[in-house]
Structure formats: structure tokens, C-alpha cells
Protein backbone atom coordinates (compact mmCIF):
# COMPACT_ATOMS: atom_id res chain seq x y z
CA ASN A 1 9.18 5.13 -22.15
CA PHE A 2 8.23 1.72 -23.51
CA TYR A 3 5.12 0.78 -25.47
CA ASN A 4 3.61 -2.52 -26.53
CA LEU A 5 2.79 -3.41 -30.13
CA ASN A 6 -0.63 -1.79 -29.84
CA GLY A 7 0.90 1.50 -28.82
CA ASN A 8 -0.32 1.27 -25.20
CA TYR A 9 1.76 2.60 -22.36
CA PHE A 10 3.82 -0.18 -20.78
CA MET A 11 6.57 1.14 -18.58
CA SER A 12 8.26 4.35 -17.56
CA SER A 13 11.78 4.68 -16.21
CA ASN A 14 10.13 6.29 -13.19
CA ASN A 15 8.90 2.83 -12.27
CA THR A 16 12.34 2.29 -10.76
CA ILE A 17 11.10 4.31 -7.79
CA GLY A 18 8.03 2.09 -7.53
CA ILE A 19 10.26 -0.98 -7.61
CA ILE A 20 12.39 0.47 -4.81
CA TYR A 21 9.24 1.08 -2.75
CA ILE A 22 8.22 -2.56 -3.21
CA LEU A 23 11.70 -3.88 -2.37
CA VAL A 24 11.77 -1.80 0.83
CA ALA A 25 8.24 -2.93 1.71
CA MET A 26 9.04 -6.61 1.25
CA ALA A 27 12.27 -6.31 3.26
CA THR A 28 10.27 -4.60 6.01
CA PHE A 29 7.59 -7.29 6.00
CA SER A 30 10.31 -9.93 6.26
CA VAL A 31 11.81 -8.23 9.32
CA HIS A 32 8.28 -7.97 10.75
CA ASP A 33 7.76 -11.72 10.30
CA SER A 34 11.13 -12.55 11.80
CA ILE A 35 10.26 -10.57 14.94
CA LEU A 36 7.07 -12.59 15.35
CA LYS A 37 9.05 -15.80 14.92
CA PHE A 38 11.52 -14.52 17.52
CA ILE A 39 8.98 -13.68 20.26
CA PHE A 40 6.15 -16.18 19.70
CA GLN A 41 7.11 -18.25 22.76
CA LYS A 42 6.68 -15.18 24.98
CA ALA A 43 3.48 -13.66 23.58
CA SER A 44 0.01 -14.60 22.42
CA LEU A 45 -1.00 -14.64 18.76
CA TYR A 46 -3.89 -12.23 19.10
CA GLU A 47 -2.05 -10.04 21.58
CA ILE A 48 0.50 -9.48 18.80
CA TYR A 49 -2.25 -9.13 16.20
CA PHE A 50 -4.06 -6.52 18.30
CA GLY A 51 -0.89 -4.58 19.12
CA ARG A 52 0.38 -4.32 15.55
CA ILE A 53 -3.05 -3.36 14.16
CA PHE A 54 -3.64 -0.80 16.91
CA ILE A 55 -0.27 0.87 16.29
CA ALA A 56 -0.77 0.76 12.52
CA ALA A 57 -4.25 2.29 12.89
CA ILE A 58 -2.88 5.17 14.97
CA LEU A 59 -0.10 5.85 12.47
CA SER A 60 -2.47 5.62 9.51
CA GLY A 61 -4.94 7.97 11.19
CA THR A 62 -2.14 10.42 11.92
CA PHE A 63 -1.09 10.26 8.26
CA LEU A 64 -4.64 11.04 7.12
CA LEU A 65 -4.86 14.01 9.47
CA ILE A 66 -1.48 15.46 8.52
CA CYS A 67 -2.11 15.04 4.79
CA LYS A 68 -5.73 16.19 5.19
CA LYS A 69 -7.04 13.20 3.30
CA LYS A 70 -10.79 12.96 2.96
CA LEU A 71 -12.24 9.95 4.76
CA THR A 72 -15.71 8.68 3.93
CA LEU A 73 -17.11 6.68 6.83
CA ILE A 74 -20.03 5.25 4.89
CA THR A 75 -19.41 2.02 3.02
CA HIS A 76 -21.61 0.92 0.15
CA TYR A 77 -20.83 -2.71 0.95
CA PRO A 78 -21.21 -3.29 4.72
CA ILE A 79 -21.63 -7.08 4.46
CA PHE A 80 -18.83 -7.49 1.94
CA SER A 81 -16.58 -5.26 4.07
CA LEU A 82 -17.21 -7.46 7.11
CA ILE A 83 -16.59 -10.67 5.17
CA ARG A 84 -13.45 -9.24 3.57
CA VAL A 85 -11.90 -8.31 6.91
CA ILE A 86 -12.83 -11.63 8.54
CA LEU A 87 -11.19 -13.51 5.66
CA HIS A 88 -8.08 -11.33 5.99
CA PHE A 89 -8.08 -11.92 9.76
CA LEU A 90 -8.29 -15.69 9.31
CA ALA A 91 -5.65 -15.64 6.59
CA PHE A 92 -2.95 -13.92 8.58
CA SER A 93 -3.83 -15.78 11.77
CA MET A 94 -2.92 -18.92 9.83
CA PHE A 95 0.23 -17.36 8.40
CA PHE A 96 1.48 -16.14 11.77
CA ILE A 97 0.79 -19.55 13.31
CA SER A 98 2.76 -21.23 10.51
CA LEU A 99 5.81 -19.08 11.32
CA THR A 100 6.13 -20.88 14.65
CA TYR A 101 7.13 -24.18 13.03
CA LEU A 102 8.02 -23.47 9.40
CA SER A 103 11.04 -21.55 8.17
CA LEU A 104 10.44 -18.01 6.94
CA ALA A 105 11.31 -19.09 3.41
CA VAL A 106 8.92 -22.05 3.27
CA ALA A 107 5.99 -20.21 4.87
CA THR A 108 6.48 -17.21 2.57
CA ALA A 109 6.89 -19.32 -0.57
CA LEU A 110 3.68 -21.25 0.15
CA TYR A 111 1.88 -17.98 0.83
CA PHE A 112 2.85 -16.79 -2.65
CA SER A 113 0.44 -19.28 -4.14
CA THR A 114 -1.97 -16.35 -3.71
CA PRO A 115 -1.88 -15.34 -7.44
CA PHE A 116 -2.99 -18.85 -8.40
CA PHE A 117 -6.06 -18.62 -6.18
CA MET A 118 -6.76 -15.05 -7.29
CA SER A 119 -6.80 -16.15 -10.92
CA ILE A 120 -9.15 -19.02 -10.06
CA PHE A 121 -11.48 -16.65 -8.20
CA ALA A 122 -11.30 -14.16 -11.07
CA ASN A 123 -12.66 -16.89 -13.31
CA THR A 124 -15.23 -18.43 -10.95
CA LEU A 125 -16.48 -15.36 -9.06
CA LEU A 126 -15.74 -12.40 -11.34
CA LYS A 127 -16.45 -14.34 -14.54
CA GLU A 128 -13.21 -13.21 -16.16
CA ASN A 129 -11.83 -15.28 -18.99
CA ILE A 130 -8.72 -17.21 -17.99
CA GLY A 131 -6.81 -18.56 -20.98
CA TYR A 132 -5.16 -21.94 -21.16
CA ARG A 133 -1.70 -20.40 -20.66
CA ARG A 134 -2.64 -19.05 -17.25
CA TRP A 135 -4.32 -22.34 -16.33
CA LEU A 136 -1.04 -24.07 -17.20
CA ALA A 137 0.86 -21.55 -15.07
CA ILE A 138 -1.50 -22.23 -12.16
CA PHE A 139 -1.02 -25.97 -12.63
CA PHE A 140 2.78 -25.70 -12.62
CA GLY A 141 2.59 -23.28 -9.69
CA PHE A 142 0.81 -25.87 -7.59
CA ILE A 143 3.43 -28.42 -8.65
CA GLY A 144 5.94 -26.03 -7.10
CA VAL A 145 3.80 -25.93 -3.94
CA TYR A 146 3.79 -29.73 -3.90
CA ILE A 147 7.58 -29.82 -4.22
CA ILE A 148 7.99 -27.36 -1.33
CA LEU A 149 5.61 -29.31 0.91
CA ASN A 150 7.33 -32.60 0.03
CA PRO A 151 4.41 -34.55 1.50
CA ASN A 152 4.79 -37.96 3.06
CA PHE A 153 1.23 -39.20 2.70
CA SER A 154 1.68 -41.93 5.30
CA ASN A 155 2.55 -39.37 7.96
CA PHE A 156 1.74 -35.90 6.57
CA ASP A 157 1.56 -32.98 8.99
CA PHE A 158 -1.52 -31.11 7.80
CA LYS A 159 -0.61 -27.96 9.70
CA ASN A 160 2.00 -27.37 6.97
CA LEU A 161 -0.95 -26.41 4.79
CA LEU A 162 -1.71 -23.29 6.86
CA PRO A 163 0.24 -20.88 4.59
CA LEU A 164 -1.67 -22.35 1.65
CA LEU A 165 -4.97 -21.76 3.44
CA CYS A 166 -3.76 -18.25 4.24
CA ALA A 167 -3.22 -17.67 0.51
CA PHE A 168 -6.70 -19.05 -0.24
CA PHE A 169 -8.49 -16.79 2.26
CA TYR A 170 -6.38 -13.75 1.41
CA ALA A 171 -7.02 -14.21 -2.32
CA LEU A 172 -10.74 -14.42 -1.60
CA SER A 173 -10.59 -11.23 0.48
CA MET A 174 -8.73 -9.42 -2.31
CA THR A 175 -11.31 -10.61 -4.83
CA ILE A 176 -13.99 -9.03 -2.65
CA THR A 177 -11.85 -5.87 -2.55
CA LYS A 178 -11.98 -5.82 -6.33
CA ILE A 179 -15.79 -5.82 -6.11
CA THR A 180 -16.05 -3.13 -3.42
CA SER A 181 -13.44 -0.80 -4.92
CA ASP A 182 -15.88 0.53 -7.50
CA LYS A 183 -17.66 2.60 -4.81
CA ASP A 184 -15.51 2.44 -1.65
CA ASP A 185 -12.18 4.22 -1.93
CA THR A 186 -8.92 2.97 -0.37
CA TYR A 187 -9.25 5.04 2.80
CA THR A 188 -12.81 3.88 3.47
CA GLN A 189 -11.79 0.27 3.04
CA LEU A 190 -8.75 0.80 5.24
CA PHE A 191 -10.88 2.42 7.95
CA TYR A 192 -13.20 -0.57 8.12
CA PHE A 193 -10.26 -2.94 7.96
CA TYR A 194 -8.76 -1.42 11.12
CA ILE A 195 -12.05 -1.03 13.02
CA ILE A 196 -13.33 -4.54 12.32
CA THR A 197 -9.93 -6.15 12.95
CA ILE A 198 -9.59 -4.41 16.32
CA ILE A 199 -13.10 -5.59 17.25
CA LEU A 200 -12.22 -9.15 16.23
CA CYS A 201 -9.07 -9.00 18.38
CA LEU A 202 -11.11 -7.78 21.36
CA VAL A 203 -13.53 -10.67 20.82
CA MET A 204 -10.55 -13.05 20.88
CA TYR A 205 -9.39 -11.42 24.12
CA PHE A 206 -12.81 -12.07 25.66
CA PHE A 207 -12.57 -15.78 24.81
CA LEU A 208 -8.83 -16.42 25.11
CA GLY A 209 -7.17 -13.43 26.76
CA THR A 210 -6.98 -14.75 30.32
CA GLY A 211 -5.30 -17.98 29.22
CA GLN A 212 -8.17 -20.12 30.48
CA PHE A 213 -7.56 -22.69 27.73
CA ASP A 214 -3.77 -22.67 27.92
CA ASN A 215 -3.28 -26.28 28.98
CA PHE A 216 -0.97 -27.33 26.16
CA SER A 217 2.74 -28.06 25.94
CA ASP A 218 3.10 -27.66 22.19
CA PRO A 219 4.68 -24.21 21.55
CA THR A 220 2.49 -23.53 18.53
CA VAL A 221 -0.75 -24.29 20.35
CA LYS A 222 0.40 -22.31 23.39
CA PHE A 223 1.03 -19.36 21.06
CA ILE A 224 -2.68 -19.35 20.25
CA PHE A 225 -4.03 -19.82 23.77
CA ARG A 226 -1.37 -18.11 25.94
CA GLU A 227 -2.59 -15.42 28.34
CA TRP A 228 -2.33 -11.92 26.92
CA PHE A 229 0.28 -9.55 28.41
CA SER A 230 1.84 -12.33 30.50
CA ASN A 231 5.31 -11.15 29.38
CA PHE A 232 4.36 -7.60 28.51
CA ASP A 233 7.57 -6.02 29.86
CA TYR A 234 9.53 -8.10 27.36
CA THR A 235 7.22 -8.20 24.35
CA TRP A 236 5.66 -4.73 24.18
CA GLN A 237 8.60 -3.08 22.42
CA TYR A 238 8.65 -5.80 19.79
CA ILE A 239 4.91 -5.53 19.21
CA VAL A 240 5.14 -1.75 18.84
CA LEU A 241 8.02 -2.21 16.41
CA MET A 242 5.93 -4.70 14.40
CA GLY A 243 3.12 -2.16 14.16
CA ILE A 244 5.53 0.51 12.95
CA LEU A 245 7.11 -1.85 10.43
CA ALA A 246 3.70 -2.93 9.13
CA SER A 247 2.74 0.72 8.64
CA ILE A 248 5.98 1.55 6.85
CA ALA A 249 5.63 -1.46 4.58
CA PHE A 250 2.00 -0.76 3.75
CA THR A 251 2.81 2.90 3.01
CA CYS A 252 5.53 1.83 0.59
CA VAL A 253 3.20 -0.66 -1.08
CA PHE A 254 0.44 1.95 -1.31
CA LYS A 255 2.80 4.49 -2.90
CA ALA A 256 4.08 1.91 -5.37
CA TYR A 257 0.62 0.76 -6.41
CA SER A 258 -0.85 4.28 -6.51
CA ASN A 259 1.81 6.04 -8.55
CA TYR A 260 3.61 3.46 -10.65
CA SER A 261 2.86 0.62 -13.06
CA THR A 262 1.36 -2.23 -11.06
CA SER A 263 2.18 -4.71 -13.80
CA ILE A 264 5.87 -3.96 -13.22
CA THR A 265 6.14 -3.28 -9.50
CA SER A 266 3.93 -6.21 -8.44
CA ILE A 267 6.45 -8.71 -9.80
CA PHE A 268 9.01 -7.48 -7.27
CA GLU A 269 6.80 -8.54 -4.38
CA TYR A 270 8.46 -11.92 -4.87
CA SER A 271 11.59 -10.38 -3.38
CA LEU A 272 9.88 -11.15 -0.05
CA ILE A 273 10.88 -14.79 -0.57
CA ILE A 274 14.51 -13.79 -1.13
CA TRP A 275 14.50 -11.56 1.96
CA SER A 276 12.95 -14.42 3.97
CA ILE A 277 15.69 -16.82 2.89
CA ILE A 278 18.42 -14.32 3.81
CA ILE A 279 16.94 -13.34 7.20
CA GLY A 280 16.02 -16.94 8.00
CA TYR A 281 19.60 -18.02 7.35
CA PHE A 282 21.26 -15.34 9.48
CA LEU A 283 18.77 -15.22 12.37
CA PHE A 284 17.41 -18.77 12.60
CA ASP A 285 20.03 -20.89 10.80
CA ASP A 286 17.39 -21.99 8.28
CA ILE A 287 19.07 -23.36 5.18
CA PRO A 288 16.60 -24.21 2.41
CA THR A 289 17.02 -27.60 0.75
CA ILE A 290 17.59 -28.00 -2.98
CA ARG A 291 14.03 -29.32 -3.22
CA THR A 292 12.67 -26.21 -1.49
CA ILE A 293 14.67 -23.90 -3.75
CA ALA A 294 13.40 -25.76 -6.84
CA GLY A 295 9.80 -25.42 -5.62
CA VAL A 296 10.30 -21.73 -4.84
CA ILE A 297 11.65 -21.10 -8.36
CA ILE A 298 8.63 -22.82 -9.90
CA VAL A 299 6.15 -20.89 -7.71
CA MET A 300 7.86 -17.58 -8.47
CA SER A 301 8.07 -18.30 -12.20
CA ALA A 302 4.40 -19.27 -12.40
CA GLY A 303 3.34 -16.20 -10.42
CA VAL A 304 5.41 -13.83 -12.54
CA TYR A 305 4.03 -15.39 -15.71
CA ILE A 306 0.47 -14.86 -14.48
CA PHE A 307 1.24 -11.19 -13.78
CA LEU A 308 2.73 -10.74 -17.23
CA ARG A 309 -0.22 -12.42 -18.95
CA GLU A 310 -2.66 -10.17 -17.07
CA GLN A 311 -0.69 -7.10 -18.08
CA LYS A 312 -0.72 -8.20 -21.71
CA ARG A 313 -4.48 -8.87 -21.64
CA ASN A 314 -5.22 -5.74 -19.54
CA GLN A 315 -6.79 -7.82 -16.77
CA GLU A 316 -6.05 -6.15 -13.48
CA VAL A 317 -7.62 -8.32 -10.79
CA ASN A 318 -4.24 -9.38 -9.41
CA LEU A 319 -2.43 -6.15 -10.18
CA ASP A 320 -4.33 -3.43 -8.37
CA THR A 321 -4.01 -5.01 -4.93
CA PRO A 322 -0.78 -6.07 -3.23
CA LEU A 323 -0.02 -9.68 -2.38
CA ARG A 324 1.10 -8.68 1.09
CA LYS A 325 -0.61 -6.24 3.47
């Protein structure tokens, strides 16, 4: 065991298991994202979203039944729960859209600006004190984001900002989770996450599912408006696999965050960027530029520093919830 100077518990060798859980989860998420990138020209965004959530909900419900976990159906924060899920829905809609035109590595690296936004929200919404060191880390983190984006202001493609907006909305949803967790347990929050997300997907089917607005040639836009189930014989097995992978990854993350030191295991979520670079190279011939690699290193370094500062100051807003769900 390791202890800090104040004699507080810091790390146990058992955290190696938690780290392994996180590494497996991030590798699984990366495979999940690569499948979406592989099939997006044959399926609709919200068809995929609905399929993966529906499968994950079934598997999660089965897990609760087998393990005889107690599920409380009453939430103490109905409005916050709705807002939280809508923000999450918007966030990953943006992230999945970005995968159609950005490399896995770039989209994932930009998404990992999430800790910067979470620290900002911790200060502005939760009234937590953020020291100048973390503000400096946030500043340098956004410099890394700038380097990755490599903007040409005379002809900048603003859709490249979608992973950044995803991080913004996801960080806001996780900040709300911090508020609601004092009375709603994990299973209650997960129940409402699945129910509300499925309802949102069905609403999207009502407005977009028949492809009535699919009059575009751009592959990314067609991905949003394409008719649902138009290539179901080809895509269904991939969508089912994505749902299974999402469930496996979330289970690993849940086990890591429930049973091991979050201040240690959370740092290894950045392995998702490494997995994305590897899978992007072998499956999509995506080779990151030196500029991209430099930006990724800065973003990762700033994020890790923020985690370490929060652990040292016993501030857990970014540590008790995963960066990827």
C-alpha cells in the first residue's frame, strides 16, 4: 500500500485489476467506434443509436436480474434526470457524427477535452475552488486542442468542433450526475438513462425514420437523415455487436470505478486515444501528423495533471464518473 504525506490511503496494488478493467473498456470502446465508422454509409445515425442502447438495456436488465440488484424506479430529480440524458444524447450524437469525417484519433483526442470543461463547471456550477495550477492546466489543454484542430481561419470547417461540443455537453451531463448522485443510486440513474434515450430515439424515428429528408449527397449529412433499416440485412449484426461491446465496456468501467481507486484508474482512460490511433492506422490507414501527436500529448498531459491535482486536494467531481460511457 501507498500513503500520502498526510497518512491518507493513496493506492493499493489491487488497483492493477482496476487498471486492466479500464484498459479493456477503452479498447472495447475503440472497437465500437471503429464499427460505427465502418458502417455509417449503410445505416442511419439514430438507427445505430437506438440499436446499441436497446441491446445494452436488455443486457443491463439481465445483469440486474441475475445478480438480484435492487432497482429503485423513483428518482428524486426528474427534471435533472431528463436534462442529463438529453445532454448525453446530444453529446454522443455529435461524437458519432464526427467519426464520419475525422480520424478516430483526432475525434477521440478532441473529446478528451472533457476534464477541462468538467473543472470549469465544477467551479461555476458546483462552486468548487479551482486553483491556479488547474486553470493553467486547462489553458494548456485547450492549446493542445488548438494544435489538433490546426484551424485555418480563412476557411475553417466548423464541423470539426463537434467532438469539442460533445465534450462540453457530456461534461455538463456528468456535472448534473454529481448533483443527482446524492439521492439517486447508479442503477436508478442508469434506468432513466436507458428509458429516456430509447424514447428520444423513437422520437427521432418519428421525424427522420422514413428518410423523408434524405435529399443530400454529403455522406455525413446522409448518415443523419438516411431511412432507418434500409440496409438492415447488412447492418443489424454490426449494431447488435456495438450494443454488446458498449455493455462490456460500461461493465468494465463500472467495476473499475466501484471497486478501485478512481484517482488511479481514471488516468488510464486516456489509453482510448492510443487504441484509436492503433485501430485507425490498421483499419482506416489513418496516420496522425506530428502536429496531431503533439496536440494529443498536451491534451493528455493536461488531463492527467488535473486528475492528479484533484486526487491531491480530495476533489472528486471528475473522478467518480467515467469520461466515456
